[in-house]
Amino acid sequence: TLFFNLDSDTLKISASDECEIKHLDIDEALSIAADHMPNLKAVQIYIGQTFILSDHFSGRSNDRLQLSSIALMVFFGKVLTKLESFSLHVGDCCWDEMKKMTDNGRAFVSLAAMPSLKKFSLNGLSFDDIAVLTSSLNPNLKFLELDYIRTISPTWCIPEVQALVGKLSQLTGLVSLSLSDHGLTDDDLKHMLPCLTNLRNLNISGRFGQ
């Protein structure tokens, strides 16, 4: 069972690998938050690997987690005008499973239309279509974290990087940007950074840069 303060302005769910919760129903938590948290402004979700991955040794599916793209989209529709921050981080190696749960990332597209959204943070997710990712980026963002994001190719290809850089260059209000494990080159940064005149913090660590 999940317990959270209905008077809070933040829905926070943290399900680490050591968590003793038998079944995590995020769909239900989002529904309750949308309907019964009048002050809601932010969502912070962390889901550990053991809640997502199947038991490959026994061949059994993992039924510890309930998260669906439909529930996400319904939730975003209900909090469209008031959500200021959305964060979803997941454990390592869960890209394929999260694609199914988020409809290849399409569940996030409506975030781009939220008038109050200032922070968007994803870690460990996957998008088959780079256009879906770029279409999810709100022009009013001040804080953006896209860390350890996978695309349809094992590593970011040049057209995908160029599409991302092109979109990021339009987010002129960004104050903080994190792009861990992306294939940005020096030329990409030279093109993007002059456009981001308000940027104060940049993280490009990972396999492609330290």
N, C-alpha and C. Protein backbone atom coordinates (compact mmCIF):
# COMPACT_ATOMS: atom_id res chain seq x y z
N THR A 1 0.84 -1.19 0.00
CA THR A 1 0.00 0.00 0.00
C THR A 1 0.87 1.24 0.00
N LEU A 2 0.49 2.26 -0.81
CA LEU A 2 1.19 3.52 -0.84
C LEU A 2 0.47 4.52 0.04
N PHE A 3 1.23 5.29 0.81
CA PHE A 3 0.67 6.34 1.62
C PHE A 3 1.34 7.65 1.22
N PHE A 4 0.53 8.68 0.94
CA PHE A 4 1.12 9.98 0.66
C PHE A 4 0.17 11.08 1.13
N ASN A 5 0.74 12.24 1.37
CA ASN A 5 0.02 13.38 1.92
C ASN A 5 -0.79 14.06 0.83
N LEU A 6 -2.11 14.02 0.95
CA LEU A 6 -2.97 14.59 -0.07
C LEU A 6 -2.90 16.12 -0.09
N ASP A 7 -2.36 16.73 0.97
CA ASP A 7 -2.22 18.18 1.01
C ASP A 7 -0.89 18.65 0.41
N SER A 8 -0.02 17.71 0.10
CA SER A 8 1.30 18.06 -0.42
C SER A 8 1.20 18.58 -1.85
N ASP A 9 2.22 19.33 -2.26
CA ASP A 9 2.28 19.79 -3.65
C ASP A 9 3.11 18.85 -4.52
N THR A 10 3.60 17.74 -3.92
CA THR A 10 4.47 16.81 -4.65
C THR A 10 4.03 15.37 -4.43
N LEU A 11 3.85 14.65 -5.52
CA LEU A 11 3.65 13.21 -5.46
C LEU A 11 5.03 12.56 -5.63
N LYS A 12 5.49 11.91 -4.59
CA LYS A 12 6.82 11.30 -4.62
C LYS A 12 6.70 9.80 -4.39
N ILE A 13 7.18 9.02 -5.37
CA ILE A 13 7.18 7.56 -5.28
C ILE A 13 8.60 7.08 -5.49
N SER A 14 9.15 6.40 -4.50
CA SER A 14 10.51 5.89 -4.61
C SER A 14 10.49 4.40 -4.28
N ALA A 15 10.65 3.58 -5.30
CA ALA A 15 10.61 2.13 -5.14
C ALA A 15 11.99 1.57 -5.50
N SER A 16 12.87 1.55 -4.53
CA SER A 16 14.21 1.04 -4.76
C SER A 16 14.19 -0.49 -4.83
N ASP A 17 15.30 -1.07 -5.23
CA ASP A 17 15.37 -2.54 -5.33
C ASP A 17 15.19 -3.20 -3.97
N GLU A 18 15.47 -2.47 -2.90
CA GLU A 18 15.33 -3.02 -1.55
C GLU A 18 13.94 -2.83 -0.98
N CYS A 19 13.08 -2.15 -1.73
CA CYS A 19 11.73 -1.83 -1.25
C CYS A 19 10.93 -3.12 -1.02
N GLU A 20 10.15 -3.16 0.05
CA GLU A 20 9.40 -4.36 0.41
C GLU A 20 7.97 -4.36 -0.15
N ILE A 21 7.60 -3.36 -0.92
CA ILE A 21 6.28 -3.34 -1.52
C ILE A 21 6.13 -4.52 -2.48
N LYS A 22 5.05 -5.26 -2.34
CA LYS A 22 4.84 -6.44 -3.18
C LYS A 22 4.38 -6.06 -4.58
N HIS A 23 3.50 -5.07 -4.66
CA HIS A 23 2.96 -4.64 -5.95
C HIS A 23 2.83 -3.13 -5.95
N LEU A 24 3.43 -2.49 -6.92
CA LEU A 24 3.44 -1.03 -7.02
C LEU A 24 2.50 -0.61 -8.16
N ASP A 25 1.38 -0.03 -7.80
CA ASP A 25 0.39 0.39 -8.79
C ASP A 25 0.50 1.91 -8.98
N ILE A 26 1.36 2.31 -9.90
CA ILE A 26 1.55 3.74 -10.15
C ILE A 26 0.34 4.32 -10.87
N ASP A 27 -0.33 3.53 -11.69
CA ASP A 27 -1.54 3.99 -12.34
C ASP A 27 -2.55 4.51 -11.31
N GLU A 28 -2.76 3.73 -10.26
CA GLU A 28 -3.71 4.10 -9.22
C GLU A 28 -3.22 5.33 -8.45
N ALA A 29 -1.92 5.38 -8.17
CA ALA A 29 -1.36 6.54 -7.46
C ALA A 29 -1.55 7.82 -8.26
N LEU A 30 -1.33 7.75 -9.57
CA LEU A 30 -1.51 8.93 -10.41
C LEU A 30 -2.97 9.36 -10.44
N SER A 31 -3.88 8.40 -10.49
CA SER A 31 -5.30 8.71 -10.51
C SER A 31 -5.73 9.41 -9.23
N ILE A 32 -5.28 8.87 -8.09
CA ILE A 32 -5.62 9.48 -6.80
C ILE A 32 -5.03 10.88 -6.70
N ALA A 33 -3.78 11.02 -7.12
CA ALA A 33 -3.12 12.33 -7.04
C ALA A 33 -3.85 13.38 -7.87
N ALA A 34 -4.25 13.00 -9.08
CA ALA A 34 -4.92 13.95 -9.97
C ALA A 34 -6.26 14.40 -9.40
N ASP A 35 -6.96 13.48 -8.73
CA ASP A 35 -8.31 13.77 -8.26
C ASP A 35 -8.37 14.31 -6.83
N HIS A 36 -7.33 14.01 -6.02
CA HIS A 36 -7.44 14.32 -4.59
C HIS A 36 -6.26 15.10 -4.02
N MET A 37 -5.35 15.57 -4.86
CA MET A 37 -4.26 16.42 -4.39
C MET A 37 -4.40 17.80 -5.05
N PRO A 38 -5.18 18.68 -4.45
CA PRO A 38 -5.49 19.96 -5.09
C PRO A 38 -4.28 20.88 -5.25
N ASN A 39 -3.25 20.66 -4.44
CA ASN A 39 -2.06 21.52 -4.50
C ASN A 39 -0.94 20.94 -5.36
N LEU A 40 -1.23 19.86 -6.06
CA LEU A 40 -0.20 19.14 -6.79
C LEU A 40 0.48 20.01 -7.84
N LYS A 41 1.82 20.06 -7.76
CA LYS A 41 2.62 20.79 -8.74
C LYS A 41 3.77 19.96 -9.31
N ALA A 42 4.15 18.90 -8.59
CA ALA A 42 5.34 18.15 -9.00
C ALA A 42 5.14 16.65 -8.80
N VAL A 43 5.77 15.88 -9.68
CA VAL A 43 5.77 14.41 -9.59
C VAL A 43 7.21 13.93 -9.66
N GLN A 44 7.60 13.11 -8.70
CA GLN A 44 8.93 12.51 -8.67
C GLN A 44 8.77 11.01 -8.51
N ILE A 45 9.19 10.25 -9.52
CA ILE A 45 9.04 8.80 -9.48
C ILE A 45 10.38 8.13 -9.74
N TYR A 46 10.76 7.22 -8.86
CA TYR A 46 11.91 6.35 -9.11
C TYR A 46 11.45 4.91 -8.98
N ILE A 47 11.79 4.08 -9.99
CA ILE A 47 11.40 2.68 -10.00
C ILE A 47 12.65 1.82 -10.15
N GLY A 48 12.94 0.99 -9.19
CA GLY A 48 14.10 0.12 -9.24
C GLY A 48 13.95 -1.01 -10.26
N GLN A 49 15.06 -1.55 -10.63
CA GLN A 49 15.13 -2.59 -11.66
C GLN A 49 14.27 -3.81 -11.32
N THR A 50 14.25 -4.19 -10.05
CA THR A 50 13.55 -5.42 -9.67
C THR A 50 12.03 -5.29 -9.82
N PHE A 51 11.51 -4.08 -9.90
CA PHE A 51 10.08 -3.88 -10.11
C PHE A 51 9.70 -3.98 -11.58
N ILE A 52 10.69 -3.93 -12.47
CA ILE A 52 10.41 -3.82 -13.89
C ILE A 52 10.79 -5.07 -14.68
N LEU A 53 11.98 -5.59 -14.45
CA LEU A 53 12.48 -6.68 -15.26
C LEU A 53 11.82 -8.00 -14.91
N SER A 54 11.65 -8.84 -15.93
CA SER A 54 11.12 -10.20 -15.72
C SER A 54 12.18 -11.07 -15.07
N ASP A 55 11.73 -12.16 -14.51
CA ASP A 55 12.64 -13.15 -13.94
C ASP A 55 13.11 -14.06 -15.07
N HIS A 56 14.25 -13.71 -15.66
CA HIS A 56 14.71 -14.44 -16.85
C HIS A 56 15.11 -15.89 -16.53
N PHE A 57 15.48 -16.14 -15.28
CA PHE A 57 15.93 -17.48 -14.93
C PHE A 57 14.74 -18.45 -14.83
N SER A 58 13.62 -17.96 -14.31
CA SER A 58 12.46 -18.84 -14.17
C SER A 58 11.51 -18.74 -15.35
N GLY A 59 11.70 -17.68 -16.16
CA GLY A 59 10.81 -17.46 -17.29
C GLY A 59 9.51 -16.79 -16.90
N ARG A 60 9.36 -16.40 -15.64
CA ARG A 60 8.14 -15.75 -15.18
C ARG A 60 8.19 -14.25 -15.44
N SER A 61 7.03 -13.69 -15.74
CA SER A 61 6.95 -12.24 -15.91
C SER A 61 6.96 -11.57 -14.54
N ASN A 62 7.30 -10.31 -14.54
CA ASN A 62 7.33 -9.55 -13.29
C ASN A 62 6.03 -8.77 -13.16
N ASP A 63 5.22 -9.10 -12.16
CA ASP A 63 3.94 -8.44 -11.99
C ASP A 63 3.95 -7.49 -10.78
N ARG A 64 5.14 -7.01 -10.40
CA ARG A 64 5.23 -6.13 -9.24
C ARG A 64 4.87 -4.68 -9.57
N LEU A 65 4.82 -4.35 -10.86
CA LEU A 65 4.60 -2.96 -11.24
C LEU A 65 3.42 -2.81 -12.19
N GLN A 66 2.58 -1.81 -11.92
CA GLN A 66 1.51 -1.43 -12.84
C GLN A 66 1.73 0.02 -13.26
N LEU A 67 2.12 0.20 -14.51
CA LEU A 67 2.29 1.54 -15.08
C LEU A 67 1.95 1.45 -16.55
N SER A 68 1.06 2.32 -17.00
CA SER A 68 0.61 2.27 -18.39
C SER A 68 0.63 3.65 -19.02
N SER A 69 0.77 3.66 -20.34
CA SER A 69 0.76 4.93 -21.07
C SER A 69 -0.59 5.61 -20.95
N ILE A 70 -1.67 4.83 -20.92
CA ILE A 70 -3.01 5.42 -20.82
C ILE A 70 -3.16 6.17 -19.50
N ALA A 71 -2.70 5.56 -18.41
CA ALA A 71 -2.80 6.21 -17.10
C ALA A 71 -1.97 7.49 -17.06
N LEU A 72 -0.80 7.45 -17.66
CA LEU A 72 0.04 8.64 -17.71
C LEU A 72 -0.66 9.75 -18.49
N MET A 73 -1.22 9.43 -19.65
CA MET A 73 -1.84 10.45 -20.49
C MET A 73 -3.10 11.02 -19.83
N VAL A 74 -3.89 10.17 -19.17
CA VAL A 74 -5.06 10.66 -18.45
C VAL A 74 -4.64 11.58 -17.32
N PHE A 75 -3.60 11.20 -16.61
CA PHE A 75 -3.09 12.04 -15.52
C PHE A 75 -2.63 13.39 -16.04
N PHE A 76 -1.83 13.38 -17.10
CA PHE A 76 -1.34 14.64 -17.65
C PHE A 76 -2.50 15.52 -18.11
N GLY A 77 -3.54 14.91 -18.65
CA GLY A 77 -4.69 15.69 -19.07
C GLY A 77 -5.38 16.38 -17.91
N LYS A 78 -5.44 15.71 -16.76
CA LYS A 78 -6.12 16.27 -15.59
C LYS A 78 -5.30 17.38 -14.92
N VAL A 79 -3.98 17.31 -15.02
CA VAL A 79 -3.13 18.31 -14.34
C VAL A 79 -2.46 19.24 -15.35
N LEU A 80 -3.04 19.34 -16.52
CA LEU A 80 -2.44 20.05 -17.63
C LEU A 80 -2.01 21.47 -17.28
N THR A 81 -2.85 22.19 -16.53
CA THR A 81 -2.58 23.61 -16.30
C THR A 81 -1.77 23.89 -15.03
N LYS A 82 -1.56 22.86 -14.18
CA LYS A 82 -0.91 23.16 -12.91
C LYS A 82 0.41 22.44 -12.66
N LEU A 83 0.75 21.44 -13.45
CA LEU A 83 1.98 20.70 -13.19
C LEU A 83 3.19 21.54 -13.57
N GLU A 84 4.16 21.63 -12.64
CA GLU A 84 5.37 22.41 -12.85
C GLU A 84 6.61 21.55 -13.02
N SER A 85 6.55 20.31 -12.57
CA SER A 85 7.73 19.46 -12.61
C SER A 85 7.32 18.00 -12.74
N PHE A 86 8.01 17.27 -13.65
CA PHE A 86 7.76 15.84 -13.79
C PHE A 86 9.09 15.12 -13.92
N SER A 87 9.28 14.10 -13.08
CA SER A 87 10.53 13.34 -13.06
C SER A 87 10.22 11.86 -13.01
N LEU A 88 10.81 11.09 -13.93
CA LEU A 88 10.67 9.63 -13.94
C LEU A 88 12.03 9.01 -14.18
N HIS A 89 12.56 8.36 -13.15
CA HIS A 89 13.86 7.69 -13.24
C HIS A 89 13.65 6.20 -12.98
N VAL A 90 14.33 5.36 -13.75
CA VAL A 90 14.19 3.91 -13.58
C VAL A 90 15.57 3.27 -13.48
N GLY A 91 15.59 2.03 -12.99
CA GLY A 91 16.84 1.31 -12.83
C GLY A 91 17.47 0.94 -14.16
N ASP A 92 18.68 0.41 -14.09
CA ASP A 92 19.45 0.06 -15.29
C ASP A 92 18.77 -1.04 -16.11
N CYS A 93 19.00 -0.98 -17.41
CA CYS A 93 18.66 -2.06 -18.34
C CYS A 93 17.16 -2.32 -18.46
N CYS A 94 16.34 -1.30 -18.26
CA CYS A 94 14.89 -1.47 -18.32
C CYS A 94 14.28 -0.79 -19.53
N TRP A 95 15.10 -0.50 -20.54
CA TRP A 95 14.64 0.29 -21.68
C TRP A 95 13.46 -0.36 -22.41
N ASP A 96 13.57 -1.64 -22.72
CA ASP A 96 12.51 -2.30 -23.50
C ASP A 96 11.20 -2.34 -22.74
N GLU A 97 11.28 -2.65 -21.46
CA GLU A 97 10.06 -2.73 -20.65
C GLU A 97 9.39 -1.36 -20.53
N MET A 98 10.20 -0.32 -20.36
CA MET A 98 9.63 1.02 -20.21
C MET A 98 9.04 1.53 -21.52
N LYS A 99 9.58 1.08 -22.64
CA LYS A 99 8.99 1.46 -23.93
C LYS A 99 7.54 0.97 -24.00
N LYS A 100 7.31 -0.26 -23.55
CA LYS A 100 5.96 -0.81 -23.58
C LYS A 100 5.02 -0.04 -22.65
N MET A 101 5.54 0.33 -21.49
CA MET A 101 4.71 1.01 -20.50
C MET A 101 4.38 2.45 -20.88
N THR A 102 5.23 3.06 -21.72
CA THR A 102 5.02 4.47 -22.08
C THR A 102 4.65 4.65 -23.54
N ASP A 103 4.31 3.55 -24.22
CA ASP A 103 3.98 3.60 -25.65
C ASP A 103 5.12 4.25 -26.43
N ASN A 104 6.33 3.71 -26.23
CA ASN A 104 7.53 4.23 -26.90
C ASN A 104 7.74 5.71 -26.64
N GLY A 105 7.35 6.16 -25.45
CA GLY A 105 7.55 7.55 -25.06
C GLY A 105 6.43 8.49 -25.45
N ARG A 106 5.45 8.01 -26.21
CA ARG A 106 4.36 8.89 -26.66
C ARG A 106 3.52 9.41 -25.50
N ALA A 107 3.57 8.74 -24.37
CA ALA A 107 2.81 9.18 -23.20
C ALA A 107 3.26 10.55 -22.71
N PHE A 108 4.49 10.97 -23.08
CA PHE A 108 5.03 12.22 -22.57
C PHE A 108 4.77 13.42 -23.48
N VAL A 109 4.23 13.19 -24.65
CA VAL A 109 4.10 14.27 -25.64
C VAL A 109 3.25 15.43 -25.11
N SER A 110 2.22 15.13 -24.34
CA SER A 110 1.34 16.20 -23.85
C SER A 110 2.05 17.14 -22.88
N LEU A 111 3.20 16.73 -22.34
CA LEU A 111 3.95 17.61 -21.45
C LEU A 111 4.38 18.90 -22.16
N ALA A 112 4.56 18.81 -23.46
CA ALA A 112 5.03 19.98 -24.22
C ALA A 112 4.01 21.11 -24.22
N ALA A 113 2.74 20.80 -23.95
CA ALA A 113 1.68 21.80 -23.99
C ALA A 113 1.33 22.36 -22.62
N MET A 114 2.02 21.91 -21.57
CA MET A 114 1.69 22.36 -20.22
C MET A 114 2.23 23.77 -19.98
N PRO A 115 1.38 24.74 -19.70
CA PRO A 115 1.83 26.13 -19.60
C PRO A 115 2.72 26.43 -18.41
N SER A 116 2.64 25.61 -17.35
CA SER A 116 3.40 25.89 -16.13
C SER A 116 4.63 25.00 -15.96
N LEU A 117 4.84 24.04 -16.87
CA LEU A 117 5.93 23.08 -16.69
C LEU A 117 7.29 23.76 -16.82
N LYS A 118 8.11 23.60 -15.79
CA LYS A 118 9.45 24.20 -15.78
C LYS A 118 10.57 23.17 -15.69
N LYS A 119 10.22 21.95 -15.20
CA LYS A 119 11.26 20.92 -15.05
C LYS A 119 10.76 19.60 -15.63
N PHE A 120 11.62 18.95 -16.41
CA PHE A 120 11.33 17.64 -16.99
C PHE A 120 12.58 16.80 -16.86
N SER A 121 12.45 15.64 -16.21
CA SER A 121 13.62 14.80 -15.94
C SER A 121 13.30 13.34 -16.24
N LEU A 122 14.05 12.76 -17.18
CA LEU A 122 13.93 11.34 -17.50
C LEU A 122 15.29 10.70 -17.37
N ASN A 123 15.31 9.49 -16.82
CA ASN A 123 16.56 8.74 -16.68
C ASN A 123 16.27 7.27 -16.91
N GLY A 124 16.93 6.68 -17.93
CA GLY A 124 16.82 5.25 -18.17
C GLY A 124 15.67 4.83 -19.05
N LEU A 125 15.11 5.76 -19.85
CA LEU A 125 14.01 5.43 -20.73
C LEU A 125 14.47 5.30 -22.18
N SER A 126 13.53 4.92 -23.05
CA SER A 126 13.88 4.66 -24.44
C SER A 126 12.79 5.20 -25.37
N PHE A 127 13.24 5.72 -26.53
CA PHE A 127 12.34 6.24 -27.55
C PHE A 127 12.75 5.64 -28.89
N ASP A 128 11.81 5.00 -29.58
CA ASP A 128 12.12 4.48 -30.91
C ASP A 128 12.22 5.59 -31.94
N ASP A 129 11.50 6.68 -31.70
CA ASP A 129 11.44 7.79 -32.65
C ASP A 129 11.93 9.05 -31.96
N ILE A 130 13.02 9.62 -32.45
CA ILE A 130 13.57 10.82 -31.83
C ILE A 130 12.57 11.97 -31.89
N ALA A 131 11.68 11.96 -32.89
CA ALA A 131 10.68 13.02 -33.00
C ALA A 131 9.72 13.00 -31.82
N VAL A 132 9.46 11.82 -31.26
CA VAL A 132 8.59 11.72 -30.09
C VAL A 132 9.26 12.40 -28.90
N LEU A 133 10.54 12.16 -28.75
CA LEU A 133 11.28 12.79 -27.64
C LEU A 133 11.29 14.31 -27.80
N THR A 134 11.66 14.79 -28.96
CA THR A 134 11.74 16.24 -29.15
C THR A 134 10.35 16.89 -29.04
N SER A 135 9.30 16.16 -29.42
CA SER A 135 7.94 16.69 -29.33
C SER A 135 7.45 16.75 -27.89
N SER A 136 8.16 16.12 -26.99
CA SER A 136 7.77 16.11 -25.58
C SER A 136 8.42 17.25 -24.79
N LEU A 137 9.28 18.02 -25.43
CA LEU A 137 10.03 19.06 -24.72
C LEU A 137 9.29 20.39 -24.75
N ASN A 138 8.92 20.83 -23.58
CA ASN A 138 8.15 22.06 -23.41
C ASN A 138 9.02 23.29 -23.67
N PRO A 139 8.55 24.25 -24.45
CA PRO A 139 9.37 25.43 -24.75
C PRO A 139 9.65 26.31 -23.54
N ASN A 140 8.91 26.12 -22.44
CA ASN A 140 9.09 26.95 -21.25
C ASN A 140 10.03 26.33 -20.22
N LEU A 141 10.65 25.20 -20.54
CA LEU A 141 11.48 24.50 -19.56
C LEU A 141 12.67 25.34 -19.11
N LYS A 142 12.94 25.23 -17.80
CA LYS A 142 14.15 25.83 -17.24
C LYS A 142 15.15 24.77 -16.80
N PHE A 143 14.65 23.58 -16.45
CA PHE A 143 15.50 22.49 -15.99
C PHE A 143 15.14 21.24 -16.79
N LEU A 144 16.14 20.69 -17.47
CA LEU A 144 15.90 19.52 -18.32
C LEU A 144 16.99 18.49 -18.08
N GLU A 145 16.57 17.26 -17.79
CA GLU A 145 17.50 16.14 -17.61
C GLU A 145 17.05 14.99 -18.50
N LEU A 146 17.87 14.63 -19.45
CA LEU A 146 17.63 13.48 -20.32
C LEU A 146 18.84 12.58 -20.22
N ASP A 147 18.89 11.80 -19.15
CA ASP A 147 20.08 11.02 -18.83
C ASP A 147 19.88 9.54 -19.16
N TYR A 148 20.87 8.97 -19.82
CA TYR A 148 20.86 7.54 -20.17
C TYR A 148 19.59 7.17 -20.93
N ILE A 149 19.27 7.99 -21.92
CA ILE A 149 18.13 7.77 -22.79
C ILE A 149 18.59 7.01 -24.02
N ARG A 150 17.85 5.97 -24.37
CA ARG A 150 18.19 5.19 -25.58
C ARG A 150 17.24 5.53 -26.71
N THR A 151 17.74 5.36 -27.92
CA THR A 151 16.92 5.48 -29.11
C THR A 151 16.84 4.11 -29.77
N ILE A 152 16.34 4.05 -31.00
CA ILE A 152 16.16 2.76 -31.65
C ILE A 152 17.50 2.10 -31.96
N SER A 153 18.56 2.88 -32.10
CA SER A 153 19.89 2.32 -32.35
C SER A 153 20.60 2.13 -31.01
N PRO A 154 21.57 1.20 -30.94
CA PRO A 154 22.28 0.95 -29.68
C PRO A 154 22.98 2.20 -29.14
N THR A 155 23.51 3.02 -30.04
CA THR A 155 24.10 4.29 -29.65
C THR A 155 23.47 5.38 -30.51
N TRP A 156 23.52 6.58 -30.03
CA TRP A 156 22.91 7.69 -30.75
C TRP A 156 23.57 7.88 -32.11
N CYS A 157 22.78 7.93 -33.17
CA CYS A 157 23.32 8.16 -34.51
C CYS A 157 23.29 9.67 -34.81
N ILE A 158 24.02 10.07 -35.84
CA ILE A 158 24.19 11.49 -36.13
C ILE A 158 22.86 12.21 -36.37
N PRO A 159 21.93 11.67 -37.17
CA PRO A 159 20.65 12.38 -37.37
C PRO A 159 19.86 12.57 -36.08
N GLU A 160 19.92 11.58 -35.18
CA GLU A 160 19.21 11.71 -33.90
C GLU A 160 19.82 12.81 -33.05
N VAL A 161 21.14 12.84 -33.00
CA VAL A 161 21.82 13.89 -32.23
C VAL A 161 21.50 15.25 -32.81
N GLN A 162 21.52 15.37 -34.12
CA GLN A 162 21.23 16.65 -34.76
C GLN A 162 19.81 17.11 -34.48
N ALA A 163 18.87 16.17 -34.49
CA ALA A 163 17.47 16.51 -34.19
C ALA A 163 17.33 16.99 -32.75
N LEU A 164 18.01 16.33 -31.82
CA LEU A 164 17.96 16.73 -30.42
C LEU A 164 18.60 18.10 -30.22
N VAL A 165 19.77 18.29 -30.81
CA VAL A 165 20.47 19.57 -30.68
C VAL A 165 19.63 20.70 -31.27
N GLY A 166 18.98 20.44 -32.40
CA GLY A 166 18.13 21.46 -33.01
C GLY A 166 17.00 21.87 -32.09
N LYS A 167 16.38 20.90 -31.43
CA LYS A 167 15.29 21.21 -30.51
C LYS A 167 15.79 21.91 -29.26
N LEU A 168 16.89 21.41 -28.70
CA LEU A 168 17.42 22.03 -27.49
C LEU A 168 17.82 23.47 -27.72
N SER A 169 18.29 23.77 -28.91
CA SER A 169 18.71 25.13 -29.23
C SER A 169 17.54 26.12 -29.17
N GLN A 170 16.32 25.59 -29.26
CA GLN A 170 15.13 26.44 -29.20
C GLN A 170 14.65 26.68 -27.77
N LEU A 171 15.19 25.92 -26.81
CA LEU A 171 14.75 26.04 -25.42
C LEU A 171 15.59 27.10 -24.72
N THR A 172 15.39 28.33 -25.10
CA THR A 172 16.28 29.42 -24.68
C THR A 172 16.14 29.79 -23.21
N GLY A 173 15.11 29.28 -22.54
CA GLY A 173 14.95 29.57 -21.12
C GLY A 173 15.68 28.61 -20.21
N LEU A 174 16.33 27.60 -20.77
CA LEU A 174 17.01 26.60 -19.94
C LEU A 174 18.08 27.23 -19.05
N VAL A 175 18.03 26.83 -17.77
CA VAL A 175 19.04 27.24 -16.80
C VAL A 175 19.97 26.07 -16.50
N SER A 176 19.41 24.85 -16.53
CA SER A 176 20.19 23.65 -16.24
C SER A 176 19.84 22.56 -17.24
N LEU A 177 20.88 21.90 -17.77
CA LEU A 177 20.69 20.87 -18.79
C LEU A 177 21.62 19.70 -18.51
N SER A 178 21.07 18.49 -18.45
CA SER A 178 21.85 17.29 -18.24
C SER A 178 21.58 16.31 -19.35
N LEU A 179 22.65 15.85 -20.03
CA LEU A 179 22.54 14.93 -21.17
C LEU A 179 23.55 13.80 -21.01
N SER A 180 23.45 13.06 -19.95
CA SER A 180 24.39 11.97 -19.71
C SER A 180 24.24 10.88 -20.77
N ASP A 181 25.38 10.47 -21.33
CA ASP A 181 25.44 9.35 -22.25
C ASP A 181 24.77 9.63 -23.60
N HIS A 182 24.95 10.82 -24.10
CA HIS A 182 24.50 11.17 -25.44
C HIS A 182 25.72 11.38 -26.33
N GLY A 183 25.52 11.30 -27.63
CA GLY A 183 26.64 11.37 -28.56
C GLY A 183 26.95 12.77 -29.07
N LEU A 184 26.83 13.78 -28.23
CA LEU A 184 27.11 15.14 -28.66
C LEU A 184 28.60 15.33 -28.95
N THR A 185 28.89 16.03 -30.01
CA THR A 185 30.27 16.35 -30.38
C THR A 185 30.56 17.80 -30.02
N ASP A 186 31.84 18.19 -30.16
CA ASP A 186 32.21 19.58 -29.93
C ASP A 186 31.45 20.51 -30.86
N ASP A 187 31.25 20.08 -32.10
CA ASP A 187 30.52 20.91 -33.06
C ASP A 187 29.07 21.09 -32.64
N ASP A 188 28.47 20.02 -32.09
CA ASP A 188 27.09 20.12 -31.61
C ASP A 188 26.98 21.16 -30.50
N LEU A 189 27.94 21.13 -29.59
CA LEU A 189 27.92 22.08 -28.48
C LEU A 189 28.15 23.51 -28.98
N LYS A 190 29.01 23.66 -29.95
CA LYS A 190 29.27 24.99 -30.51
C LYS A 190 28.03 25.57 -31.18
N HIS A 191 27.21 24.68 -31.73
CA HIS A 191 25.96 25.13 -32.36
C HIS A 191 24.90 25.44 -31.31
N MET A 192 24.83 24.63 -30.26
CA MET A 192 23.73 24.72 -29.30
C MET A 192 23.95 25.78 -28.22
N LEU A 193 25.13 25.80 -27.63
CA LEU A 193 25.34 26.63 -26.44
C LEU A 193 25.15 28.12 -26.66
N PRO A 194 25.56 28.69 -27.80
CA PRO A 194 25.31 30.13 -27.97
C PRO A 194 23.83 30.51 -27.96
N CYS A 195 22.96 29.55 -28.24
CA CYS A 195 21.51 29.81 -28.22
C CYS A 195 20.96 29.80 -26.79
N LEU A 196 21.65 29.13 -25.88
CA LEU A 196 21.16 28.95 -24.52
C LEU A 196 21.83 29.96 -23.60
N THR A 197 21.45 31.20 -23.75
CA THR A 197 22.13 32.29 -23.05
C THR A 197 21.86 32.31 -21.55
N ASN A 198 20.81 31.62 -21.10
CA ASN A 198 20.49 31.57 -19.67
C ASN A 198 21.08 30.36 -18.96
N LEU A 199 21.75 29.49 -19.70
CA LEU A 199 22.25 28.24 -19.14
C LEU A 199 23.36 28.49 -18.13
N ARG A 200 23.20 27.86 -16.95
CA ARG A 200 24.19 28.01 -15.88
C ARG A 200 24.82 26.68 -15.49
N ASN A 201 24.18 25.59 -15.84
CA ASN A 201 24.70 24.28 -15.46
C ASN A 201 24.52 23.31 -16.63
N LEU A 202 25.61 22.63 -17.00
CA LEU A 202 25.57 21.67 -18.11
C LEU A 202 26.30 20.40 -17.71
N ASN A 203 25.63 19.26 -17.87
CA ASN A 203 26.23 17.95 -17.61
C ASN A 203 26.17 17.12 -18.88
N ILE A 204 27.33 16.72 -19.37
CA ILE A 204 27.38 15.84 -20.55
C ILE A 204 28.28 14.64 -20.25
N SER A 205 28.18 14.12 -19.04
CA SER A 205 29.01 12.97 -18.65
C SER A 205 28.47 11.70 -19.24
N GLY A 206 29.21 10.58 -19.05
CA GLY A 206 28.80 9.28 -19.57
C GLY A 206 29.83 8.71 -20.51
N ARG A 207 29.44 7.71 -21.28
CA ARG A 207 30.38 7.05 -22.19
C ARG A 207 30.94 8.00 -23.22
N PHE A 208 30.12 9.00 -23.63
CA PHE A 208 30.53 9.90 -24.69
C PHE A 208 31.34 11.08 -24.19
N GLY A 209 31.43 11.28 -22.89
CA GLY A 209 32.17 12.42 -22.37
C GLY A 209 32.25 12.38 -20.87
N GLN A 210 33.28 12.92 -20.32
CA GLN A 210 33.46 12.94 -18.86
C GLN A 210 33.50 14.38 -18.38
